[in-house]
């Protein structure tokens, strides 16, 4: 297992500390509707192109809706030499964290 796990409440700190790229692997329609700030859209349907599109020297954090698909992708690319991580709980966890921040500050 060559990938890391990132929790929603630590995502922004990890991105900043590692100068990581945040990748939303949901459909383009889902991304256009709503996405986490600073995320780029690379939908799962281009999986074969990830190795060509990503830089092995820059850490990459993936997220999907619930976290399962991004975990599989992070594991796959991690085993191929990329520095990868996945957001546990995916976009749903990020939205939950954001609501908690809005409610409690």
PDB file of N, CA and C in Angstrom:
ATOM      1  N   UNK A   1       0.847  -1.177   0.000  1.00  0.00           N
ATOM      2  CA  UNK A   1       0.000   0.000   0.000  1.00  0.00           C
ATOM      3  C   UNK A   1       0.888   1.234   0.000  1.00  0.00           C
ATOM      4  N   UNK A   2       1.054   1.853  -1.151  1.00  0.00           N
ATOM      5  CA  UNK A   2       1.943   3.004  -1.258  1.00  0.00           C
ATOM      6  C   UNK A   2       1.148   4.276  -1.513  1.00  0.00           C
ATOM      7  N   UNK A   3       0.344   4.656  -0.556  1.00  0.00           N
ATOM      8  CA  UNK A   3      -0.363   5.926  -0.622  1.00  0.00           C
ATOM      9  C   UNK A   3      -0.676   6.355   0.802  1.00  0.00           C
ATOM     10  N   UNK A   4      -0.999   7.609   0.950  1.00  0.00           N
ATOM     11  CA  UNK A   4      -1.308   8.146   2.273  1.00  0.00           C
ATOM     12  C   UNK A   4      -2.795   8.451   2.372  1.00  0.00           C
ATOM     13  N   UNK A   5      -3.247   8.603   3.581  1.00  0.00           N
ATOM     14  CA  UNK A   5      -4.636   8.953   3.858  1.00  0.00           C
ATOM     15  C   UNK A   5      -4.664  10.374   4.411  1.00  0.00           C
ATOM     16  N   UNK A   6      -5.585  11.171   3.903  1.00  0.00           N
ATOM     17  CA  UNK A   6      -5.753  12.542   4.365  1.00  0.00           C
ATOM     18  C   UNK A   6      -7.201  12.694   4.827  1.00  0.00           C
ATOM     19  N   UNK A   7      -7.381  13.267   5.999  1.00  0.00           N
ATOM     20  CA  UNK A   7      -8.718  13.532   6.513  1.00  0.00           C
ATOM     21  C   UNK A   7      -9.155  14.928   6.076  1.00  0.00           C
ATOM     22  N   UNK A   8     -10.458  15.121   5.941  1.00  0.00           N
ATOM     23  CA  UNK A   8     -11.008  16.382   5.452  1.00  0.00           C
ATOM     24  C   UNK A   8     -10.495  17.581   6.225  1.00  0.00           C
ATOM     25  N   UNK A   9     -10.395  17.444   7.547  1.00  0.00           N
ATOM     26  CA  UNK A   9      -9.989  18.586   8.370  1.00  0.00           C
ATOM     27  C   UNK A   9      -8.502  18.928   8.261  1.00  0.00           C
ATOM     28  N   UNK A  10      -7.731  18.094   7.615  1.00  0.00           N
ATOM     29  CA  UNK A  10      -6.300  18.380   7.457  1.00  0.00           C
ATOM     30  C   UNK A  10      -5.899  18.616   6.003  1.00  0.00           C
ATOM     31  N   UNK A  11      -6.848  18.532   5.082  1.00  0.00           N
ATOM     32  CA  UNK A  11      -6.529  18.615   3.655  1.00  0.00           C
ATOM     33  C   UNK A  11      -5.785  19.893   3.286  1.00  0.00           C
ATOM     34  N   UNK A  12      -6.327  21.036   3.653  1.00  0.00           N
ATOM     35  CA  UNK A  12      -5.696  22.297   3.247  1.00  0.00           C
ATOM     36  C   UNK A  12      -4.273  22.430   3.791  1.00  0.00           C
ATOM     37  N   UNK A  13      -4.043  21.969   5.009  1.00  0.00           N
ATOM     38  CA  UNK A  13      -2.703  22.017   5.600  1.00  0.00           C
ATOM     39  C   UNK A  13      -1.740  21.105   4.841  1.00  0.00           C
ATOM     40  N   UNK A  14      -2.203  19.912   4.480  1.00  0.00           N
ATOM     41  CA  UNK A  14      -1.352  18.957   3.753  1.00  0.00           C
ATOM     42  C   UNK A  14      -1.017  19.493   2.368  1.00  0.00           C
ATOM     43  N   UNK A  15      -2.003  20.062   1.687  1.00  0.00           N
ATOM     44  CA  UNK A  15      -1.749  20.635   0.356  1.00  0.00           C
ATOM     45  C   UNK A  15      -0.663  21.695   0.446  1.00  0.00           C
ATOM     46  N   UNK A  16      -0.802  22.583   1.415  1.00  0.00           N
ATOM     47  CA  UNK A  16       0.167  23.675   1.568  1.00  0.00           C
ATOM     48  C   UNK A  16       1.549  23.158   1.961  1.00  0.00           C
ATOM     49  N   UNK A  17       1.592  22.260   2.925  1.00  0.00           N
ATOM     50  CA  UNK A  17       2.878  21.752   3.420  1.00  0.00           C
ATOM     51  C   UNK A  17       3.650  20.971   2.362  1.00  0.00           C
ATOM     52  N   UNK A  18       2.942  20.233   1.526  1.00  0.00           N
ATOM     53  CA  UNK A  18       3.603  19.383   0.536  1.00  0.00           C
ATOM     54  C   UNK A  18       3.580  19.962  -0.877  1.00  0.00           C
ATOM     55  N   UNK A  19       2.958  21.138  -1.038  1.00  0.00           N
ATOM     56  CA  UNK A  19       2.755  21.709  -2.366  1.00  0.00           C
ATOM     57  C   UNK A  19       2.095  20.663  -3.274  1.00  0.00           C
ATOM     58  N   UNK A  20       1.069  20.034  -2.742  1.00  0.00           N
ATOM     59  CA  UNK A  20       0.396  18.936  -3.445  1.00  0.00           C
ATOM     60  C   UNK A  20      -0.659  19.448  -4.410  1.00  0.00           C
ATOM     61  N   UNK A  21      -0.886  18.653  -5.423  1.00  0.00           N
ATOM     62  CA  UNK A  21      -1.946  18.909  -6.391  1.00  0.00           C
ATOM     63  C   UNK A  21      -3.188  18.160  -5.919  1.00  0.00           C
ATOM     64  N   UNK A  22      -4.342  18.831  -5.908  1.00  0.00           N
ATOM     65  CA  UNK A  22      -5.600  18.207  -5.514  1.00  0.00           C
ATOM     66  C   UNK A  22      -6.390  17.872  -6.760  1.00  0.00           C
ATOM     67  N   UNK A  23      -6.767  16.591  -6.903  1.00  0.00           N
ATOM     68  CA  UNK A  23      -7.445  16.127  -8.112  1.00  0.00           C
ATOM     69  C   UNK A  23      -8.810  15.538  -7.773  1.00  0.00           C
ATOM     70  N   UNK A  24      -9.831  16.100  -8.393  1.00  0.00           N
ATOM     71  CA  UNK A  24     -11.212  15.628  -8.285  1.00  0.00           C
ATOM     72  C   UNK A  24     -11.423  14.628  -9.421  1.00  0.00           C
ATOM     73  N   UNK A  25     -11.706  13.365  -9.081  1.00  0.00           N
ATOM     74  CA  UNK A  25     -11.845  12.341 -10.117  1.00  0.00           C
ATOM     75  C   UNK A  25     -13.307  12.033 -10.442  1.00  0.00           C
ATOM     76  N   UNK A  26     -14.234  12.817  -9.882  1.00  0.00           N
ATOM     77  CA  UNK A  26     -15.645  12.639 -10.219  1.00  0.00           C
ATOM     78  C   UNK A  26     -15.885  13.094 -11.660  1.00  0.00           C
ATOM     79  N   UNK A  27     -17.100  12.932 -12.147  1.00  0.00           N
ATOM     80  CA  UNK A  27     -17.400  13.354 -13.520  1.00  0.00           C
ATOM     81  C   UNK A  27     -17.232  14.863 -13.657  1.00  0.00           C
ATOM     82  N   UNK A  28     -17.039  15.286 -14.875  1.00  0.00           N
ATOM     83  CA  UNK A  28     -16.885  16.727 -15.136  1.00  0.00           C
ATOM     84  C   UNK A  28     -18.146  17.488 -14.704  1.00  0.00           C
ATOM     85  N   UNK A  29     -19.306  16.879 -14.878  1.00  0.00           N
ATOM     86  CA  UNK A  29     -20.561  17.508 -14.482  1.00  0.00           C
ATOM     87  C   UNK A  29     -20.613  17.725 -12.967  1.00  0.00           C
ATOM     88  N   UNK A  30     -20.180  16.718 -12.213  1.00  0.00           N
ATOM     89  CA  UNK A  30     -20.148  16.852 -10.753  1.00  0.00           C
ATOM     90  C   UNK A  30     -19.168  17.944 -10.334  1.00  0.00           C
ATOM     91  N   UNK A  31     -18.012  17.967 -10.980  1.00  0.00           N
ATOM     92  CA  UNK A  31     -17.004  18.977 -10.695  1.00  0.00           C
ATOM     93  C   UNK A  31     -17.549  20.377 -10.987  1.00  0.00           C
ATOM     94  N   UNK A  32     -18.178  20.538 -12.154  1.00  0.00           N
ATOM     95  CA  UNK A  32     -18.711  21.847 -12.542  1.00  0.00           C
ATOM     96  C   UNK A  32     -19.802  22.319 -11.585  1.00  0.00           C
ATOM     97  N   UNK A  33     -20.546  21.383 -11.039  1.00  0.00           N
ATOM     98  CA  UNK A  33     -21.621  21.713 -10.100  1.00  0.00           C
ATOM     99  C   UNK A  33     -21.045  22.229  -8.774  1.00  0.00           C
ATOM    100  N   UNK A  34     -19.991  21.573  -8.300  1.00  0.00           N
ATOM    101  CA  UNK A  34     -19.365  21.946  -7.036  1.00  0.00           C
ATOM    102  C   UNK A  34     -18.076  21.149  -6.853  1.00  0.00           C
ATOM    103  N   UNK A  35     -17.048  21.800  -6.374  1.00  0.00           N
ATOM    104  CA  UNK A  35     -15.775  21.115  -6.102  1.00  0.00           C
ATOM    105  C   UNK A  35     -15.025  21.854  -5.006  1.00  0.00           C
ATOM    106  N   UNK A  36     -14.016  21.185  -4.451  1.00  0.00           N
ATOM    107  CA  UNK A  36     -13.201  21.779  -3.401  1.00  0.00           C
ATOM    108  C   UNK A  36     -12.281  22.805  -4.030  1.00  0.00           C
ATOM    109  N   UNK A  37     -12.061  23.894  -3.335  1.00  0.00           N
ATOM    110  CA  UNK A  37     -11.208  24.957  -3.870  1.00  0.00           C
ATOM    111  C   UNK A  37      -9.833  24.408  -4.249  1.00  0.00           C
ATOM    112  N   UNK A  38      -9.293  24.904  -5.314  1.00  0.00           N
ATOM    113  CA  UNK A  38      -7.972  24.545  -5.832  1.00  0.00           C
ATOM    114  C   UNK A  38      -7.910  23.162  -6.485  1.00  0.00           C
ATOM    115  N   UNK A  39      -9.022  22.447  -6.533  1.00  0.00           N
ATOM    116  CA  UNK A  39      -9.013  21.122  -7.167  1.00  0.00           C
ATOM    117  C   UNK A  39      -9.064  21.250  -8.685  1.00  0.00           C
ATOM    118  N   UNK A  40      -8.357  20.350  -9.353  1.00  0.00           N
ATOM    119  CA  UNK A  40      -8.456  20.254 -10.811  1.00  0.00           C
ATOM    120  C   UNK A  40      -9.298  19.022 -11.144  1.00  0.00           C
ATOM    121  N   UNK A  41      -9.953  19.067 -12.275  1.00  0.00           N
ATOM    122  CA  UNK A  41     -10.815  17.969 -12.691  1.00  0.00           C
ATOM    123  C   UNK A  41     -10.073  17.022 -13.626  1.00  0.00           C
ATOM    124  N   UNK A  42      -9.911  15.775 -13.187  1.00  0.00           N
ATOM    125  CA  UNK A  42      -9.376  14.702 -14.022  1.00  0.00           C
ATOM    126  C   UNK A  42     -10.271  13.491 -13.776  1.00  0.00           C
ATOM    127  N   UNK A  43     -11.403  13.428 -14.477  1.00  0.00           N
ATOM    128  CA  UNK A  43     -12.386  12.367 -14.231  1.00  0.00           C
ATOM    129  C   UNK A  43     -11.820  10.956 -14.392  1.00  0.00           C
ATOM    130  N   UNK A  44     -12.416  10.027 -13.665  1.00  0.00           N
ATOM    131  CA  UNK A  44     -11.984   8.623 -13.696  1.00  0.00           C
ATOM    132  C   UNK A  44     -11.970   8.032 -15.102  1.00  0.00           C
ATOM    133  N   UNK A  45     -12.775   8.552 -16.010  1.00  0.00           N
ATOM    134  CA  UNK A  45     -12.820   7.959 -17.349  1.00  0.00           C
ATOM    135  C   UNK A  45     -11.550   8.198 -18.162  1.00  0.00           C
ATOM    136  N   UNK A  46     -10.602   8.957 -17.598  1.00  0.00           N
ATOM    137  CA  UNK A  46      -9.314   9.142 -18.276  1.00  0.00           C
ATOM    138  C   UNK A  46      -8.193   8.427 -17.536  1.00  0.00           C
ATOM    139  N   UNK A  47      -8.544   7.411 -16.774  1.00  0.00           N
ATOM    140  CA  UNK A  47      -7.574   6.698 -15.937  1.00  0.00           C
ATOM    141  C   UNK A  47      -6.309   6.322 -16.698  1.00  0.00           C
ATOM    142  N   UNK A  48      -6.435   5.904 -17.927  1.00  0.00           N
ATOM    143  CA  UNK A  48      -5.265   5.490 -18.703  1.00  0.00           C
ATOM    144  C   UNK A  48      -4.292   6.639 -18.942  1.00  0.00           C
ATOM    145  N   UNK A  49      -4.744   7.858 -18.808  1.00  0.00           N
ATOM    146  CA  UNK A  49      -3.899   9.024 -19.078  1.00  0.00           C
ATOM    147  C   UNK A  49      -3.239   9.615 -17.836  1.00  0.00           C
ATOM    148  N   UNK A  50      -3.609   9.160 -16.654  1.00  0.00           N
ATOM    149  CA  UNK A  50      -3.079   9.761 -15.431  1.00  0.00           C
ATOM    150  C   UNK A  50      -1.554   9.762 -15.388  1.00  0.00           C
ATOM    151  N   UNK A  51      -0.933   8.679 -15.769  1.00  0.00           N
ATOM    152  CA  UNK A  51       0.531   8.616 -15.687  1.00  0.00           C
ATOM    153  C   UNK A  51       1.192   9.622 -16.614  1.00  0.00           C
ATOM    154  N   UNK A  52       0.536   9.970 -17.715  1.00  0.00           N
ATOM    155  CA  UNK A  52       1.081  10.955 -18.646  1.00  0.00           C
ATOM    156  C   UNK A  52       0.802  12.376 -18.164  1.00  0.00           C
ATOM    157  N   UNK A  53      -0.316  12.582 -17.483  1.00  0.00           N
ATOM    158  CA  UNK A  53      -0.739  13.919 -17.081  1.00  0.00           C
ATOM    159  C   UNK A  53      -0.128  14.397 -15.772  1.00  0.00           C
ATOM    160  N   UNK A  54       0.251  13.473 -14.906  1.00  0.00           N
ATOM    161  CA  UNK A  54       0.758  13.848 -13.583  1.00  0.00           C
ATOM    162  C   UNK A  54       2.277  13.795 -13.532  1.00  0.00           C
ATOM    163  N   UNK A  55       2.830  14.602 -12.647  1.00  0.00           N
ATOM    164  CA  UNK A  55       4.268  14.695 -12.465  1.00  0.00           C
ATOM    165  C   UNK A  55       4.657  13.855 -11.243  1.00  0.00           C
ATOM    166  N   UNK A  56       5.557  12.913 -11.406  1.00  0.00           N
ATOM    167  CA  UNK A  56       5.955  12.047 -10.294  1.00  0.00           C
ATOM    168  C   UNK A  56       6.652  12.799  -9.169  1.00  0.00           C
ATOM    169  N   UNK A  57       7.126  14.008  -9.447  1.00  0.00           N
ATOM    170  CA  UNK A  57       7.835  14.755  -8.407  1.00  0.00           C
ATOM    171  C   UNK A  57       6.900  15.600  -7.540  1.00  0.00           C
ATOM    172  N   UNK A  58       5.643  15.738  -7.943  1.00  0.00           N
ATOM    173  CA  UNK A  58       4.692  16.518  -7.151  1.00  0.00           C
ATOM    174  C   UNK A  58       3.678  15.591  -6.493  1.00  0.00           C
ATOM    175  N   UNK A  59       3.512  15.697  -5.193  1.00  0.00           N
ATOM    176  CA  UNK A  59       2.495  14.885  -4.513  1.00  0.00           C
ATOM    177  C   UNK A  59       1.102  15.196  -5.060  1.00  0.00           C
ATOM    178  N   UNK A  60       0.268  14.157  -5.139  1.00  0.00           N
ATOM    179  CA  UNK A  60      -1.091  14.303  -5.653  1.00  0.00           C
ATOM    180  C   UNK A  60      -2.068  13.723  -4.638  1.00  0.00           C
ATOM    181  N   UNK A  61      -3.125  14.480  -4.356  1.00  0.00           N
ATOM    182  CA  UNK A  61      -4.185  14.021  -3.467  1.00  0.00           C
ATOM    183  C   UNK A  61      -5.454  13.893  -4.300  1.00  0.00           C
ATOM    184  N   UNK A  62      -6.051  12.709  -4.286  1.00  0.00           N
ATOM    185  CA  UNK A  62      -7.262  12.453  -5.049  1.00  0.00           C
ATOM    186  C   UNK A  62      -8.485  12.437  -4.148  1.00  0.00           C
ATOM    187  N   UNK A  63      -9.622  12.838  -4.705  1.00  0.00           N
ATOM    188  CA  UNK A  63     -10.894  12.607  -4.023  1.00  0.00           C
ATOM    189  C   UNK A  63     -11.975  12.289  -5.045  1.00  0.00           C
ATOM    190  N   UNK A  64     -12.940  11.497  -4.606  1.00  0.00           N
ATOM    191  CA  UNK A  64     -14.120  11.168  -5.394  1.00  0.00           C
ATOM    192  C   UNK A  64     -15.323  11.497  -4.513  1.00  0.00           C
ATOM    193  N   UNK A  65     -16.452  10.898  -4.753  1.00  0.00           N
ATOM    194  CA  UNK A  65     -17.637  11.219  -3.957  1.00  0.00           C
ATOM    195  C   UNK A  65     -17.539  10.679  -2.540  1.00  0.00           C
ATOM    196  N   UNK A  66     -17.238   9.390  -2.401  1.00  0.00           N
ATOM    197  CA  UNK A  66     -17.226   8.743  -1.088  1.00  0.00           C
ATOM    198  C   UNK A  66     -15.826   8.322  -0.618  1.00  0.00           C
ATOM    199  N   UNK A  67     -14.866   8.250  -1.503  1.00  0.00           N
ATOM    200  CA  UNK A  67     -13.501   7.902  -1.129  1.00  0.00           C
ATOM    201  C   UNK A  67     -12.991   6.572  -1.645  1.00  0.00           C
ATOM    202  N   UNK A  68     -13.884   5.693  -2.095  1.00  0.00           N
ATOM    203  CA  UNK A  68     -13.459   4.365  -2.541  1.00  0.00           C
ATOM    204  C   UNK A  68     -12.663   4.375  -3.841  1.00  0.00           C
ATOM    205  N   UNK A  69     -13.173   5.061  -4.842  1.00  0.00           N
ATOM    206  CA  UNK A  69     -12.485   5.103  -6.139  1.00  0.00           C
ATOM    207  C   UNK A  69     -11.161   5.848  -6.049  1.00  0.00           C
ATOM    208  N   UNK A  70     -11.141   6.936  -5.290  1.00  0.00           N
ATOM    209  CA  UNK A  70      -9.891   7.688  -5.160  1.00  0.00           C
ATOM    210  C   UNK A  70      -8.848   6.878  -4.394  1.00  0.00           C
ATOM    211  N   UNK A  71      -9.289   6.039  -3.460  1.00  0.00           N
ATOM    212  CA  UNK A  71      -8.349   5.185  -2.732  1.00  0.00           C
ATOM    213  C   UNK A  71      -7.724   4.165  -3.681  1.00  0.00           C
ATOM    214  N   UNK A  72      -8.535   3.572  -4.534  1.00  0.00           N
ATOM    215  CA  UNK A  72      -8.020   2.596  -5.503  1.00  0.00           C
ATOM    216  C   UNK A  72      -7.027   3.256  -6.449  1.00  0.00           C
ATOM    217  N   UNK A  73      -7.362   4.450  -6.927  1.00  0.00           N
ATOM    218  CA  UNK A  73      -6.471   5.156  -7.849  1.00  0.00           C
ATOM    219  C   UNK A  73      -5.171   5.565  -7.160  1.00  0.00           C
ATOM    220  N   UNK A  74      -5.279   6.064  -5.936  1.00  0.00           N
ATOM    221  CA  UNK A  74      -4.072   6.453  -5.186  1.00  0.00           C
ATOM    222  C   UNK A  74      -3.173   5.249  -4.951  1.00  0.00           C
ATOM    223  N   UNK A  75      -3.761   4.122  -4.620  1.00  0.00           N
ATOM    224  CA  UNK A  75      -2.985   2.892  -4.403  1.00  0.00           C
ATOM    225  C   UNK A  75      -2.298   2.466  -5.710  1.00  0.00           C
ATOM    226  N   UNK A  76      -3.047   2.454  -6.794  1.00  0.00           N
ATOM    227  CA  UNK A  76      -2.502   2.043  -8.095  1.00  0.00           C
ATOM    228  C   UNK A  76      -1.316   2.927  -8.497  1.00  0.00           C
ATOM    229  N   UNK A  77      -1.514   4.243  -8.470  1.00  0.00           N
ATOM    230  CA  UNK A  77      -0.431   5.140  -8.883  1.00  0.00           C
ATOM    231  C   UNK A  77       0.708   5.171  -7.865  1.00  0.00           C
ATOM    232  N   UNK A  78       0.374   4.992  -6.595  1.00  0.00           N
ATOM    233  CA  UNK A  78       1.415   4.905  -5.567  1.00  0.00           C
ATOM    234  C   UNK A  78       2.339   3.727  -5.817  1.00  0.00           C
ATOM    235  N   UNK A  79       1.765   2.622  -6.250  1.00  0.00           N
ATOM    236  CA  UNK A  79       2.572   1.442  -6.577  1.00  0.00           C
ATOM    237  C   UNK A  79       3.374   1.623  -7.862  1.00  0.00           C
ATOM    238  N   UNK A  80       3.070   2.670  -8.614  1.00  0.00           N
ATOM    239  CA  UNK A  80       3.786   2.944  -9.863  1.00  0.00           C
ATOM    240  C   UNK A  80       4.764   4.110  -9.705  1.00  0.00           C
ATOM    241  N   UNK A  81       5.046   4.482  -8.447  1.00  0.00           N
ATOM    242  CA  UNK A  81       6.079   5.473  -8.197  1.00  0.00           C
ATOM    243  C   UNK A  81       5.607   6.889  -7.929  1.00  0.00           C
ATOM    244  N   UNK A  82       4.304   7.123  -7.924  1.00  0.00           N
ATOM    245  CA  UNK A  82       3.788   8.461  -7.634  1.00  0.00           C
ATOM    246  C   UNK A  82       3.623   8.644  -6.133  1.00  0.00           C
ATOM    247  N   UNK A  83       3.739   9.882  -5.661  1.00  0.00           N
ATOM    248  CA  UNK A  83       3.510  10.234  -4.262  1.00  0.00           C
ATOM    249  C   UNK A  83       2.031  10.606  -4.161  1.00  0.00           C
ATOM    250  N   UNK A  84       1.200   9.678  -3.715  1.00  0.00           N
ATOM    251  CA  UNK A  84      -0.243   9.873  -3.751  1.00  0.00           C
ATOM    252  C   UNK A  84      -0.886   9.790  -2.374  1.00  0.00           C
ATOM    253  N   UNK A  85      -2.071  10.377  -2.313  1.00  0.00           N
ATOM    254  CA  UNK A  85      -2.895  10.309  -1.109  1.00  0.00           C
ATOM    255  C   UNK A  85      -4.350  10.339  -1.546  1.00  0.00           C
ATOM    256  N   UNK A  86      -5.232   9.971  -0.629  1.00  0.00           N
ATOM    257  CA  UNK A  86      -6.664  10.022  -0.885  1.00  0.00           C
ATOM    258  C   UNK A  86      -7.357  10.680   0.299  1.00  0.00           C
ATOM    259  N   UNK A  87      -8.429  11.376   0.007  1.00  0.00           N
ATOM    260  CA  UNK A  87      -9.232  11.994   1.059  1.00  0.00           C
ATOM    261  C   UNK A  87     -10.238  10.957   1.545  1.00  0.00           C
ATOM    262  N   UNK A  88     -10.120  10.580   2.796  1.00  0.00           N
ATOM    263  CA  UNK A  88     -11.037   9.603   3.384  1.00  0.00           C
ATOM    264  C   UNK A  88     -12.444  10.204   3.432  1.00  0.00           C
ATOM    265  N   UNK A  89     -13.399   9.488   2.885  1.00  0.00           N
ATOM    266  CA  UNK A  89     -14.778   9.968   2.855  1.00  0.00           C
ATOM    267  C   UNK A  89     -15.091  10.835   1.651  1.00  0.00           C
ATOM    268  N   UNK A  90     -14.070  11.161   0.872  1.00  0.00           N
ATOM    269  CA  UNK A  90     -14.246  11.896  -0.368  1.00  0.00           C
ATOM    270  C   UNK A  90     -14.873  13.275  -0.222  1.00  0.00           C
ATOM    271  N   UNK A  91     -15.536  13.678  -1.285  1.00  0.00           N
ATOM    272  CA  UNK A  91     -16.147  15.004  -1.327  1.00  0.00           C
ATOM    273  C   UNK A  91     -17.225  15.148  -0.260  1.00  0.00           C
ATOM    274  N   UNK A  92     -17.919  14.068   0.033  1.00  0.00           N
ATOM    275  CA  UNK A  92     -18.934  14.119   1.086  1.00  0.00           C
ATOM    276  C   UNK A  92     -18.318  14.514   2.425  1.00  0.00           C
ATOM    277  N   UNK A  93     -17.154  13.975   2.747  1.00  0.00           N
ATOM    278  CA  UNK A  93     -16.470  14.324   3.993  1.00  0.00           C
ATOM    279  C   UNK A  93     -16.006  15.774   3.971  1.00  0.00           C
ATOM    280  N   UNK A  94     -15.539  16.240   2.822  1.00  0.00           N
ATOM    281  CA  UNK A  94     -15.107  17.634   2.707  1.00  0.00           C
ATOM    282  C   UNK A  94     -16.285  18.585   2.921  1.00  0.00           C
ATOM    283  N   UNK A  95     -17.428  18.246   2.348  1.00  0.00           N
ATOM    284  CA  UNK A  95     -18.624  19.085   2.522  1.00  0.00           C
ATOM    285  C   UNK A  95     -19.084  19.067   3.979  1.00  0.00           C
ATOM    286  N   UNK A  96     -19.018  17.904   4.611  1.00  0.00           N
ATOM    287  CA  UNK A  96     -19.377  17.807   6.021  1.00  0.00           C
ATOM    288  C   UNK A  96     -18.461  18.650   6.884  1.00  0.00           C
ATOM    289  N   UNK A  97     -17.187  18.629   6.586  1.00  0.00           N
ATOM    290  CA  UNK A  97     -16.209  19.438   7.325  1.00  0.00           C
ATOM    291  C   UNK A  97     -16.495  20.927   7.127  1.00  0.00           C
ATOM    292  N   UNK A  98     -16.804  21.313   5.895  1.00  0.00           N
ATOM    293  CA  UNK A  98     -17.099  22.706   5.615  1.00  0.00           C
ATOM    294  C   UNK A  98     -18.346  23.183   6.373  1.00  0.00           C
ATOM    295  N   UNK A  99     -19.377  22.349   6.424  1.00  0.00           N
ATOM    296  CA  UNK A  99     -20.591  22.691   7.176  1.00  0.00           C
ATOM    297  C   UNK A  99     -20.274  22.840   8.664  1.00  0.00           C
ATOM    298  N   UNK A 100     -19.431  21.974   9.176  1.00  0.00           N
ATOM    299  CA  UNK A 100     -19.036  22.042  10.596  1.00  0.00           C
ATOM    300  C   UNK A 100     -18.308  23.357  10.876  1.00  0.00           C
ATOM    301  N   UNK A 101     -17.433  23.761   9.960  1.00  0.00           N
ATOM    302  CA  UNK A 101     -16.716  25.033  10.121  1.00  0.00           C
ATOM    303  C   UNK A 101     -17.673  26.217  10.123  1.00  0.00           C
ATOM    304  N   UNK A 102     -18.649  26.158   9.220  1.00  0.00           N
ATOM    305  CA  UNK A 102     -19.620  27.251   9.136  1.00  0.00           C
ATOM    306  C   UNK A 102     -20.472  27.337  10.390  1.00  0.00           C
ATOM    307  N   UNK A 103     -20.789  26.172  10.951  1.00  0.00           N
ATOM    308  CA  UNK A 103     -21.652  26.135  12.133  1.00  0.00           C
ATOM    309  C   UNK A 103     -20.908  26.534  13.412  1.00  0.00           C
ATOM    310  N   UNK A 104     -19.688  26.006  13.563  1.00  0.00           N
ATOM    311  CA  UNK A 104     -18.954  26.195  14.822  1.00  0.00           C
ATOM    312  C   UNK A 104     -17.762  27.130  14.722  1.00  0.00           C
ATOM    313  N   UNK A 105     -17.399  27.493  13.488  1.00  0.00           N
ATOM    314  CA  UNK A 105     -16.267  28.394  13.298  1.00  0.00           C
ATOM    315  C   UNK A 105     -15.031  27.696  13.442  1.00  0.00           C
TER     316      UNK A 105
END
